[in-house]
Protein backbone atom coordinates (compact mmCIF):
# COMPACT_ATOMS: atom_id res chain seq x y z
CA UNK A 1 0.01 0.01 0.01
CA UNK A 2 2.89 2.37 0.72
CA UNK A 3 4.09 1.87 -2.85
CA UNK A 4 0.66 2.74 -4.18
CA UNK A 5 0.63 5.84 -1.99
CA UNK A 6 3.99 6.85 -3.40
CA UNK A 7 2.75 6.40 -6.96
CA UNK A 8 -0.35 8.41 -6.06
CA UNK A 9 1.92 11.13 -4.70
CA UNK A 10 3.98 11.14 -7.89
CA UNK A 11 0.80 11.24 -9.94
CA UNK A 12 -0.28 14.34 -8.00
CA UNK A 13 3.10 15.98 -8.53
CA UNK A 14 3.06 15.33 -12.25
CA UNK A 15 -0.59 16.31 -12.27
CA UNK A 16 0.53 19.73 -11.08
CA UNK A 17 3.64 19.94 -13.19
CA UNK A 18 2.38 18.40 -16.45
CA UNK A 19 -1.34 18.16 -16.34
CA UNK A 20 -2.20 21.49 -14.76
CA UNK A 21 -0.86 23.27 -17.89
CA UNK A 22 -2.85 20.86 -20.03
CA UNK A 23 -5.89 21.54 -17.86
CA UNK A 24 -5.49 25.25 -18.50
CA UNK A 25 -5.03 24.59 -22.20
CA UNK A 26 -8.25 22.55 -22.23
CA UNK A 27 -10.09 25.49 -20.73
CA UNK A 28 -8.45 27.69 -23.29
CA UNK A 29 -10.08 25.45 -25.90
CA UNK A 30 -13.39 25.89 -24.08
CA UNK A 31 -12.77 29.65 -24.15
CA UNK A 32 -12.60 29.35 -27.94
CA UNK A 33 -16.27 28.32 -27.90
CA UNK A 34 -17.04 31.84 -26.67
CA UNK A 35 -14.93 33.42 -29.41
CA UNK A 36 -15.45 31.28 -32.50
CA UNK A 37 -18.48 29.77 -34.15
CA UNK A 38 -18.52 25.94 -34.43
CA UNK A 39 -17.19 25.94 -38.04
CA UNK A 40 -14.06 27.95 -37.06
CA UNK A 41 -13.51 25.78 -33.99
CA UNK A 42 -13.79 22.79 -36.29
CA UNK A 43 -10.87 24.06 -38.33
CA UNK A 44 -8.80 24.55 -35.17
CA UNK A 45 -9.70 21.05 -34.01
CA UNK A 46 -8.68 19.62 -37.38
CA UNK A 47 -5.32 21.41 -37.37
CA UNK A 48 -4.34 20.31 -33.86
CA UNK A 49 -5.35 16.74 -34.70
CA UNK A 50 -2.66 16.88 -37.38
CA UNK A 51 -0.20 18.29 -34.80
CA UNK A 52 -0.82 15.38 -32.45
CA UNK A 53 -0.31 12.79 -35.16
CA UNK A 54 2.82 14.41 -36.60
CA UNK A 55 4.31 14.82 -33.11
CA UNK A 56 4.18 11.05 -32.73
CA UNK A 57 6.07 10.68 -36.02
CA UNK A 58 8.67 13.32 -35.21
CA UNK A 59 9.56 11.89 -31.78
CA UNK A 60 9.35 8.24 -33.03
CA UNK A 61 9.45 6.64 -29.55
CA UNK A 62 12.69 8.32 -28.58
CA UNK A 63 11.32 9.58 -25.25
CA UNK A 64 10.47 6.09 -24.01
CA UNK A 65 13.75 4.72 -25.38
CA UNK A 66 15.59 7.50 -23.49
CA UNK A 67 13.87 6.42 -20.27
CA UNK A 68 14.65 2.80 -20.85
CA UNK A 69 18.38 3.13 -21.57
CA UNK A 70 19.00 5.93 -19.10
CA UNK A 71 17.47 3.76 -16.34
CA UNK A 72 19.32 0.71 -17.56
CA UNK A 73 22.79 2.30 -17.52
CA UNK A 74 22.91 5.35 -15.28
CA UNK A 75 26.64 5.83 -15.85
CA UNK A 76 26.06 6.61 -19.53
CA UNK A 77 23.12 8.97 -19.20
CA UNK A 78 25.02 11.78 -20.95
CA UNK A 79 25.66 9.49 -23.90
CA UNK A 80 22.02 8.46 -24.04
CA UNK A 81 20.85 12.08 -23.82
CA UNK A 82 23.28 13.29 -26.49
CA UNK A 83 22.46 10.48 -28.89
CA UNK A 84 18.68 10.82 -28.58
CA UNK A 85 18.57 14.63 -28.55
CA UNK A 86 20.98 15.22 -31.44
CA UNK A 87 19.14 12.61 -33.52
CA UNK A 88 15.88 14.49 -32.97
CA UNK A 89 17.56 17.70 -34.04
CA UNK A 90 18.64 16.13 -37.32
CA UNK A 91 15.29 14.55 -38.17
CA UNK A 92 13.34 17.70 -37.16
CA UNK A 93 15.55 19.75 -39.42
CA UNK A 94 14.79 17.44 -42.35
CA UNK A 95 11.05 17.76 -41.59
CA UNK A 96 11.24 21.54 -41.50
CA UNK A 97 13.04 21.69 -44.83
CA UNK A 98 10.50 19.37 -46.46
CA UNK A 99 7.55 21.43 -45.14
CA UNK A 100 9.20 24.60 -46.42
CA UNK A 101 9.75 23.11 -49.88
CA UNK A 102 6.24 21.68 -50.19
CA UNK A 103 4.38 24.39 -48.38
CA UNK A 104 1.97 25.15 -51.22
CA UNK A 105 0.70 21.59 -51.99
CA UNK A 106 0.29 20.96 -48.27
CA UNK A 107 -1.69 24.19 -47.93
CA UNK A 108 -3.86 23.22 -50.89
CA UNK A 109 -4.69 19.91 -49.16
CA UNK A 110 -5.89 21.79 -46.07
CA UNK A 111 -8.17 24.03 -48.09
CA UNK A 112 -8.37 26.71 -45.42
CA UNK A 113 -8.26 30.42 -46.00
CA UNK A 114 -4.66 31.59 -45.22
CA UNK A 115 -3.64 27.90 -45.35
CA UNK A 116 -0.04 28.56 -46.34
CA UNK A 117 0.53 30.65 -43.22
CA UNK A 118 -1.17 28.00 -41.09
CA UNK A 119 1.14 25.27 -42.44
CA UNK A 120 4.19 27.38 -41.69
CA UNK A 121 3.12 28.17 -38.13
CA UNK A 122 2.19 24.55 -37.52
CA UNK A 123 5.65 23.47 -38.61
CA UNK A 124 7.23 25.86 -36.11
CA UNK A 125 5.12 24.42 -33.28
CA UNK A 126 6.00 20.86 -34.26
CA UNK A 127 9.74 21.47 -34.46
CA UNK A 128 9.95 23.47 -31.18
CA UNK A 129 7.86 20.93 -29.26
CA UNK A 130 9.80 17.97 -30.69
CA UNK A 131 13.13 19.45 -29.63
CA UNK A 132 11.78 20.03 -26.11
CA UNK A 133 10.77 16.35 -25.68
CA UNK A 134 14.10 14.89 -24.49
CA UNK A 135 15.04 17.84 -22.19
CA UNK A 136 11.63 17.49 -20.55
CA UNK A 137 12.17 13.72 -20.24
CA UNK A 138 15.50 14.42 -18.60
CA UNK A 139 13.82 16.57 -15.95
CA UNK A 140 11.36 13.75 -15.23
CA UNK A 141 14.08 11.12 -15.05
CA UNK A 142 16.17 13.21 -12.67
CA UNK A 143 13.23 13.83 -10.40
CA UNK A 144 12.97 17.61 -10.90
CA UNK A 145 9.22 18.11 -11.12
CA UNK A 146 9.38 21.68 -9.79
CA UNK A 147 11.37 22.99 -12.73
CA UNK A 148 9.27 20.82 -15.04
CA UNK A 149 6.14 22.41 -13.57
CA UNK A 150 7.42 25.97 -13.79
CA UNK A 151 8.39 25.68 -17.46
CA UNK A 152 5.12 23.95 -18.38
CA UNK A 153 3.11 26.58 -16.55
CA UNK A 154 5.02 29.43 -18.14
CA UNK A 155 4.37 27.86 -21.54
CA UNK A 156 0.62 27.81 -21.04
CA UNK A 157 0.55 31.25 -19.36
CA UNK A 158 2.32 32.78 -22.36
CA UNK A 159 -0.01 30.93 -24.69
CA UNK A 160 -3.09 32.19 -22.84
CA UNK A 161 -1.70 35.72 -22.64
CA UNK A 162 -1.22 36.00 -26.39
CA UNK A 163 -4.55 34.35 -27.12
CA UNK A 164 -6.26 36.95 -24.95
CA UNK A 165 -4.15 39.70 -26.50
CA UNK A 166 -4.96 38.78 -30.10
CA UNK A 167 -8.49 37.46 -29.71
CA UNK A 168 -9.92 39.75 -27.04
CA UNK A 169 -7.83 42.89 -26.47
CA UNK A 170 -6.99 43.66 -30.10
CA UNK A 171 -10.58 43.33 -31.41
CA UNK A 172 -11.71 45.55 -28.51
CA UNK A 173 -9.04 48.12 -29.35
CA UNK A 174 -10.04 47.99 -33.03
CA UNK A 175 -13.57 48.99 -32.10
CA UNK A 176 -12.88 51.47 -29.30
CA UNK A 177 -9.32 52.77 -29.85
CA UNK A 178 -8.45 52.24 -33.53
CA UNK A 179 -5.35 54.44 -33.25
CA UNK A 180 -3.72 52.38 -30.50
CA UNK A 181 -0.09 51.50 -31.29
CA UNK A 182 -0.66 47.85 -30.29
CA UNK A 183 -2.86 47.36 -33.35
CA UNK A 184 0.26 47.48 -35.51
CA UNK A 185 0.74 43.89 -34.36
CA UNK A 186 -2.76 42.86 -35.35
CA UNK A 187 -4.65 42.02 -38.54
CA UNK A 188 -8.30 40.99 -38.59
CA UNK A 189 -7.62 38.79 -41.63
CA UNK A 190 -5.52 36.34 -39.65
CA UNK A 191 -8.49 35.21 -37.50
CA UNK A 192 -7.97 31.72 -36.08
CA UNK A 193 -4.34 31.97 -37.14
CA UNK A 194 -3.69 33.79 -33.87
CA UNK A 195 -4.35 30.54 -32.05
CA UNK A 196 -1.35 29.13 -33.92
CA UNK A 197 0.79 32.22 -33.48
CA UNK A 198 0.22 32.15 -29.72
CA UNK A 199 1.31 28.55 -29.64
CA UNK A 200 4.44 29.31 -31.67
CA UNK A 201 5.49 32.04 -29.23
CA UNK A 202 4.90 29.78 -26.20
CA UNK A 203 6.74 26.83 -27.72
CA UNK A 204 9.72 28.97 -28.69
CA UNK A 205 9.93 30.39 -25.20
CA UNK A 206 9.87 26.88 -23.74
CA UNK A 207 12.71 25.74 -25.97
CA UNK A 208 14.80 28.74 -24.98
CA UNK A 209 14.25 28.14 -21.28
CA UNK A 210 15.27 24.49 -21.69
CA UNK A 211 18.64 25.38 -23.22
CA UNK A 212 20.53 24.75 -19.89
CA UNK A 213 19.28 21.14 -20.02
CA UNK A 214 20.70 20.64 -23.53
CA UNK A 215 24.23 19.83 -22.42
CA UNK A 216 25.45 17.52 -25.13
CA UNK A 217 28.85 16.19 -25.99
CA UNK A 218 29.10 15.35 -29.65
CA UNK A 219 32.07 13.11 -28.84
CA UNK A 220 29.64 10.89 -26.94
CA UNK A 221 27.21 10.57 -29.83
CA UNK A 222 27.03 6.78 -30.14
CA UNK A 223 25.76 5.23 -33.36
CA UNK A 224 25.71 1.77 -31.78
CA UNK A 225 23.51 3.10 -29.01
CA UNK A 226 21.36 4.92 -31.57
CA UNK A 227 20.66 1.56 -33.22
CA UNK A 228 19.48 0.15 -29.85
CA UNK A 229 17.37 3.24 -29.20
CA UNK A 230 15.72 2.93 -32.59
CA UNK A 231 15.12 -0.81 -32.27
CA UNK A 232 13.49 -0.22 -28.92
CA UNK A 233 11.75 3.02 -29.88
CA UNK A 234 10.46 2.32 -33.39
CA UNK A 235 7.76 -0.08 -32.16
CA UNK A 236 6.85 2.70 -29.70
CA UNK A 237 6.60 4.98 -32.72
CA UNK A 238 4.06 2.61 -34.25
CA UNK A 239 2.27 2.53 -30.90
CA UNK A 240 2.28 6.32 -30.53
CA UNK A 241 1.35 6.97 -34.14
CA UNK A 242 -1.44 4.44 -34.07
CA UNK A 243 -2.54 5.84 -30.71
CA UNK A 244 -2.76 9.34 -32.13
CA UNK A 245 -4.67 7.90 -35.12
CA UNK A 246 -7.09 6.33 -32.67
CA UNK A 247 -7.65 9.63 -30.87
CA UNK A 248 -7.49 12.07 -33.79
CA UNK A 249 -8.20 10.40 -37.15
CA UNK A 250 -11.93 11.13 -36.81
CA UNK A 251 -11.14 14.85 -36.61
CA UNK A 252 -9.05 14.56 -39.80
CA UNK A 253 -11.55 12.39 -41.69
CA UNK A 254 -14.53 14.66 -40.90
CA UNK A 255 -14.05 17.14 -43.79
CA UNK A 256 -13.32 14.23 -46.15
CA UNK A 257 -16.31 12.02 -45.27
CA UNK A 258 -18.96 14.42 -44.02
CA UNK A 259 -20.40 16.70 -46.69
CA UNK A 260 -20.73 19.57 -47.36
CA UNK A 261 -17.45 20.99 -46.04
CA UNK A 262 -19.10 23.79 -44.04
CA UNK A 263 -21.42 21.31 -42.32
CA UNK A 264 -18.47 19.02 -41.59
CA UNK A 265 -16.53 21.77 -39.84
CA UNK A 266 -19.64 22.84 -37.93
CA UNK A 267 -20.16 19.27 -36.66
CA UNK A 268 -16.46 18.88 -35.91
CA UNK A 269 -16.50 22.10 -33.88
CA UNK A 270 -19.36 20.79 -31.72
CA UNK A 271 -17.62 17.42 -31.31
CA UNK A 272 -14.27 19.04 -30.43
CA UNK A 273 -15.88 21.27 -27.80
CA UNK A 274 -17.77 18.44 -26.10
CA UNK A 275 -14.72 16.16 -25.95
CA UNK A 276 -13.16 18.87 -23.76
CA UNK A 277 -15.91 18.31 -21.16
CA UNK A 278 -14.20 15.00 -20.40
CA UNK A 279 -11.17 17.04 -19.34
CA UNK A 280 -10.87 15.61 -15.80
CA UNK A 281 -10.76 12.02 -17.04
CA UNK A 282 -8.39 12.87 -19.87
CA UNK A 283 -5.99 14.76 -17.64
CA UNK A 284 -6.02 12.14 -14.89
CA UNK A 285 -5.12 9.45 -17.43
CA UNK A 286 -2.29 11.63 -18.74
CA UNK A 287 -1.03 12.47 -15.24
CA UNK A 288 -1.07 8.77 -14.31
CA UNK A 289 0.89 7.90 -17.42
CA UNK A 290 3.54 10.55 -16.71
CA UNK A 291 4.06 9.13 -13.22
CA UNK A 292 3.61 5.43 -13.99
CA UNK A 293 6.14 5.02 -16.81
CA UNK A 294 9.27 6.11 -14.88
CA UNK A 295 7.83 4.43 -11.76
CA UNK A 296 7.61 0.91 -13.17
CA UNK A 297 10.97 1.19 -15.01
CA UNK A 298 12.64 2.14 -11.72
CA UNK A 299 10.98 -0.81 -9.91
CA UNK A 300 11.40 -3.48 -12.56
CA UNK A 301 13.67 -5.58 -10.32
CA UNK A 302 11.24 -5.70 -7.38
CA UNK A 303 9.85 -9.17 -6.72
CA UNK A 304 6.36 -8.12 -5.54
CA UNK A 305 5.55 -5.74 -8.35
CA UNK A 306 2.95 -7.95 -10.00
CA UNK A 307 0.69 -7.71 -6.96
CA UNK A 308 1.24 -3.95 -6.81
CA UNK A 309 0.35 -3.58 -10.51
CA UNK A 310 -2.91 -5.45 -9.90
CA UNK A 311 -3.80 -3.18 -6.97
CA UNK A 312 -2.90 -0.07 -8.95
CA UNK A 313 -5.24 -1.03 -11.81
CA UNK A 314 -8.08 -1.67 -9.38
CA UNK A 315 -7.83 1.75 -7.75
CA UNK A 316 -7.27 3.39 -11.12
CA UNK A 317 -10.54 2.00 -12.47
CA UNK A 318 -12.43 2.98 -9.32
CA UNK A 319 -11.20 6.57 -9.56
CA UNK A 320 -12.02 6.76 -13.28
CA UNK A 321 -15.55 5.55 -12.63
CA UNK A 322 -15.97 8.18 -9.93
CA UNK A 323 -14.98 10.79 -12.49
CA UNK A 324 -17.39 9.24 -15.01
CA UNK A 325 -20.29 9.46 -12.52
CA UNK A 326 -19.35 12.95 -11.41
CA UNK A 327 -19.29 14.38 -14.91
CA UNK A 328 -22.29 12.53 -16.37
CA UNK A 329 -24.58 13.04 -13.35
CA UNK A 330 -23.77 16.75 -13.16
CA UNK A 331 -23.53 17.40 -16.88
CA UNK A 332 -26.19 20.13 -16.86
CA UNK A 333 -24.04 22.20 -14.51
CA UNK A 334 -20.73 21.38 -16.14
CA UNK A 335 -21.96 22.30 -19.62
CA UNK A 336 -22.12 26.01 -18.74
CA UNK A 337 -18.39 26.27 -19.39
CA UNK A 338 -19.04 26.02 -23.14
CA UNK A 339 -21.22 28.21 -25.26
CA UNK A 340 -24.85 27.09 -25.78
CA UNK A 341 -24.14 26.77 -29.53
CA UNK A 342 -22.28 23.53 -28.67
CA UNK A 343 -24.89 21.82 -26.40
CA UNK A 344 -26.12 19.57 -29.18
CA UNK A 345 -23.08 17.34 -28.67
CA UNK A 346 -23.51 16.65 -24.92
CA UNK A 347 -24.78 13.12 -25.53
CA UNK A 348 -21.31 11.98 -26.68
CA UNK A 349 -19.60 12.95 -23.42
CA UNK A 350 -20.24 9.54 -21.69
CA UNK A 351 -18.65 7.75 -24.67
CA UNK A 352 -15.55 9.97 -24.51
CA UNK A 353 -15.24 9.34 -20.76
CA UNK A 354 -15.46 5.56 -21.20
CA UNK A 355 -12.98 5.63 -24.08
CA UNK A 356 -10.47 7.55 -21.98
CA UNK A 357 -10.90 5.12 -19.09
CA UNK A 358 -10.22 2.19 -21.42
CA UNK A 359 -7.14 4.00 -22.72
CA UNK A 360 -5.90 4.40 -19.15
CA UNK A 361 -6.49 0.69 -18.48
CA UNK A 362 -4.47 -0.08 -21.60
CA UNK A 363 -1.60 2.09 -20.27
CA UNK A 364 -1.69 0.01 -17.09
CA UNK A 365 -1.55 -3.26 -19.02
CA UNK A 366 1.24 -2.04 -21.33
CA UNK A 367 3.91 -2.65 -18.66
CA UNK A 368 4.21 -6.29 -19.60
CA UNK A 369 5.48 -5.78 -23.12
CA UNK A 370 7.72 -2.86 -22.14
CA UNK A 371 9.37 -4.72 -19.25
CA UNK A 372 9.93 -7.81 -21.40
CA UNK A 373 11.23 -5.68 -24.32
CA UNK A 374 8.45 -6.98 -26.53
CA UNK A 375 7.31 -3.53 -27.59
CA UNK A 376 6.26 -4.89 -30.98
CA UNK A 377 3.15 -6.24 -29.25
CA UNK A 378 2.19 -2.67 -28.44
CA UNK A 379 2.55 -1.89 -32.11
CA UNK A 380 0.26 -4.79 -33.03
CA UNK A 381 -2.42 -3.64 -30.55
CA UNK A 382 -2.24 -0.01 -31.55
CA UNK A 383 -2.34 -0.76 -35.27
CA UNK A 384 -5.28 -3.09 -34.71
CA UNK A 385 -7.04 -0.35 -32.78
CA UNK A 386 -6.30 2.18 -35.54
CA UNK A 387 -7.78 -0.16 -38.14
CA UNK A 388 -10.94 -0.51 -36.05
CA UNK A 389 -11.16 3.27 -35.63
CA UNK A 390 -10.68 3.98 -39.34
CA UNK A 391 -13.16 1.29 -40.45
CA UNK A 392 -15.91 2.45 -38.08
CA UNK A 393 -15.43 6.09 -39.09
CA UNK A 394 -15.40 5.27 -42.81
CA UNK A 395 -18.55 3.15 -42.54
CA UNK A 396 -20.62 5.29 -40.19
CA UNK A 397 -19.27 8.82 -39.89
CA UNK A 398 -21.08 10.18 -42.96
CA UNK A 399 -24.42 8.89 -41.59
CA UNK A 400 -24.12 9.32 -37.83
CA UNK A 401 -21.52 12.09 -37.59
CA UNK A 402 -19.51 12.55 -34.42
CA UNK A 403 -21.55 9.93 -32.53
CA UNK A 404 -19.90 7.29 -34.75
CA UNK A 405 -16.49 8.80 -33.98
CA UNK A 406 -17.08 8.67 -30.22
CA UNK A 407 -18.31 5.07 -30.31
CA UNK A 408 -15.34 4.16 -32.50
CA UNK A 409 -12.99 5.30 -29.70
CA UNK A 410 -14.83 3.14 -27.14
CA UNK A 411 -14.66 0.06 -29.36
CA UNK A 412 -11.04 0.73 -30.32
CA UNK A 413 -9.64 1.12 -26.81
CA UNK A 414 -11.84 -1.64 -25.44
CA UNK A 415 -10.49 -4.05 -28.06
CA UNK A 416 -6.92 -3.01 -27.25
CA UNK A 417 -7.47 -3.73 -23.54
CA UNK A 418 -8.83 -7.19 -24.29
CA UNK A 419 -6.00 -8.02 -26.72
CA UNK A 420 -3.28 -6.79 -24.35
CA UNK A 421 -4.73 -8.73 -21.42
CA UNK A 422 -4.98 -11.91 -23.46
CA UNK A 423 -1.33 -11.87 -24.53
CA UNK A 424 -0.12 -10.63 -21.14
CA UNK A 425 -1.49 -13.82 -19.56
CA UNK A 426 0.89 -15.83 -21.76
CA UNK A 427 4.06 -13.71 -21.60
CA UNK A 428 4.03 -11.87 -18.27
CA UNK A 429 1.08 -13.10 -16.19
CA UNK A 430 -0.29 -10.66 -13.63
CA UNK A 431 -3.22 -11.70 -11.47
CA UNK A 432 -5.46 -8.71 -12.13
CA UNK A 433 -8.84 -8.85 -10.30
CA UNK A 434 -10.77 -8.97 -13.56
CA UNK A 435 -14.08 -10.03 -12.04
CA UNK A 436 -14.01 -7.29 -9.46
CA UNK A 437 -13.15 -4.68 -12.10
CA UNK A 438 -15.93 -5.79 -14.47
CA UNK A 439 -18.51 -5.85 -11.66
CA UNK A 440 -17.38 -2.41 -10.55
CA UNK A 441 -17.86 -1.06 -14.08
CA UNK A 442 -21.33 -2.62 -14.40
CA UNK A 443 -22.33 -1.18 -11.02
CA UNK A 444 -21.16 2.30 -12.07
CA UNK A 445 -23.05 2.12 -15.37
CA UNK A 446 -26.23 0.97 -13.59
CA UNK A 447 -25.95 3.92 -11.23
CA UNK A 448 -25.43 6.23 -14.24
CA UNK A 449 -28.61 5.02 -15.99
CA UNK A 450 -30.54 5.28 -12.70
CA UNK A 451 -29.10 8.73 -12.09
CA UNK A 452 -30.51 9.97 -15.39
CA UNK A 453 -34.01 9.57 -13.91
CA UNK A 454 -33.25 11.54 -10.73
CA UNK A 455 -34.67 15.07 -10.32
CA UNK A 456 -32.70 17.73 -12.20
CA UNK A 457 -29.31 18.49 -10.62
CA UNK A 458 -30.18 22.17 -10.81
CA UNK A 459 -32.57 21.52 -7.92
CA UNK A 460 -31.25 21.05 -4.38
CA UNK A 461 -32.75 17.57 -4.06
CA UNK A 462 -31.34 16.44 -7.41
CA UNK A 463 -27.90 17.81 -6.56
CA UNK A 464 -27.82 16.00 -3.19
CA UNK A 465 -29.15 12.71 -4.59
CA UNK A 466 -26.47 12.69 -7.25
CA UNK A 467 -23.80 13.23 -4.66
CA UNK A 468 -25.31 10.46 -2.54
CA UNK A 469 -25.22 8.16 -5.58
CA UNK A 470 -21.47 8.69 -6.01
CA UNK A 471 -20.95 8.14 -2.26
CA UNK A 472 -22.86 4.84 -2.42
CA UNK A 473 -20.64 3.76 -5.30
CA UNK A 474 -17.48 4.51 -3.34
CA UNK A 475 -18.70 2.74 -0.19
CA UNK A 476 -19.73 -0.39 -2.09
CA UNK A 477 -16.66 -0.78 -4.31
CA UNK A 478 -14.21 0.05 -1.49
CA UNK A 479 -15.96 -2.18 1.05
CA UNK A 480 -13.11 -4.76 1.18
CA UNK A 481 -10.59 -2.05 2.03
CA UNK A 482 -12.99 -0.37 4.48
CA UNK A 483 -13.62 -3.67 6.21
CA UNK A 484 -9.89 -4.35 6.60
CA UNK A 485 -9.36 -0.83 7.93
CA UNK A 486 -12.18 -1.15 10.48
CA UNK A 487 -10.88 -4.53 11.68
CA UNK A 488 -7.43 -3.02 12.20
CA UNK A 489 -8.92 -0.15 14.18
CA UNK A 490 -10.93 -2.61 16.26
CA UNK A 491 -7.75 -4.63 16.95
CA UNK A 492 -6.05 -1.56 18.31
């Protein structure tokens, strides 16, 4: 239990240092619902879906490989850092040159107004963020979450500042003080491009601040080590790329499969806004992943880890289901953070929450193929999930819109969980309490469907009854632990 408490503590730390900035960025995205109409937000959602997928390609598993080999041979950490970081510099430079050369055809594919500028700004964001990957991983590996947190927070603060400057202050000045000198930095024609410009400024600042962490020695660049890093990391690339496909391909396929284009972007804007309402679940899963990966690599030689991993998964699922109930039962109060223009998509929020929970369970299960150096299994699972996602979207997106996309994520991540568990039992068996986890899920879903028939949560009675429902869930699912605790107290 002390180990689980320590992991929980690390999850909280990385929740503050990594996920708090993401939390603020999610609410920045919700702020966009007050600034942009759904069609414009759809274009933003589409562009950042491309960013997520391309980031997976540009980092090609090097972050996880850096963790693995830095933990494996602590004496050669400088060599591992130099080799991984310099390699990313070289490949990012090639990417930047290619984007510059083929800027026009890429822009034509997008089809946006001002598309060439968007492509250029997106390439800046991708290169800056890619180069920051290994320095950030170094801070995590060395246990320096405070500096990690400060840099991440500064990044998002700068991003928010320039978003407010370009999207709120400048339009206000244009109307009320058209002669203000600050308006020399502003053009109404750029529109949603200011979202990208703000990100470029924040990413560049982050890279500059991380320069002290970029202490490389070219003499220690090791091509033999690079081969090992690539062999270990390339399956992770497939995993990451397929994972980003699973989470973002629907946002890319929308304008291709849903016609007409204007309607597609309108629907995509609604979908993108409502996925952000699952922010607590999404960020918890991300915080857990940040803490869990270095945690299990550091403890890989412990003999009792398999029992600990089983306990961790149990408590992880219980917490996720609490978040699921909290958001879905109080959705009418939570929805006020987005503009009413986006309320039509509220019915997909439960699907997004469940999909994120399954993704988190998959992260838990992924330890077996990482610890046994069988990362190619992760590639198989992720590619299989990507195929499922793409097929469901191609078959049903044009008819059912974003509902099909949301269900595709549930099916995709659910299938990946089942596949990973099946092969884990053969290669690295862990005695997960599967029956307890399934029963806990069923119980939570039953409470959710019952809760939909309670009085409105905007009334005092409805609000209290929903809170009581969540309390009942916690008491029932944690009864074994509560019973043990009470027996100990009685023994004293």
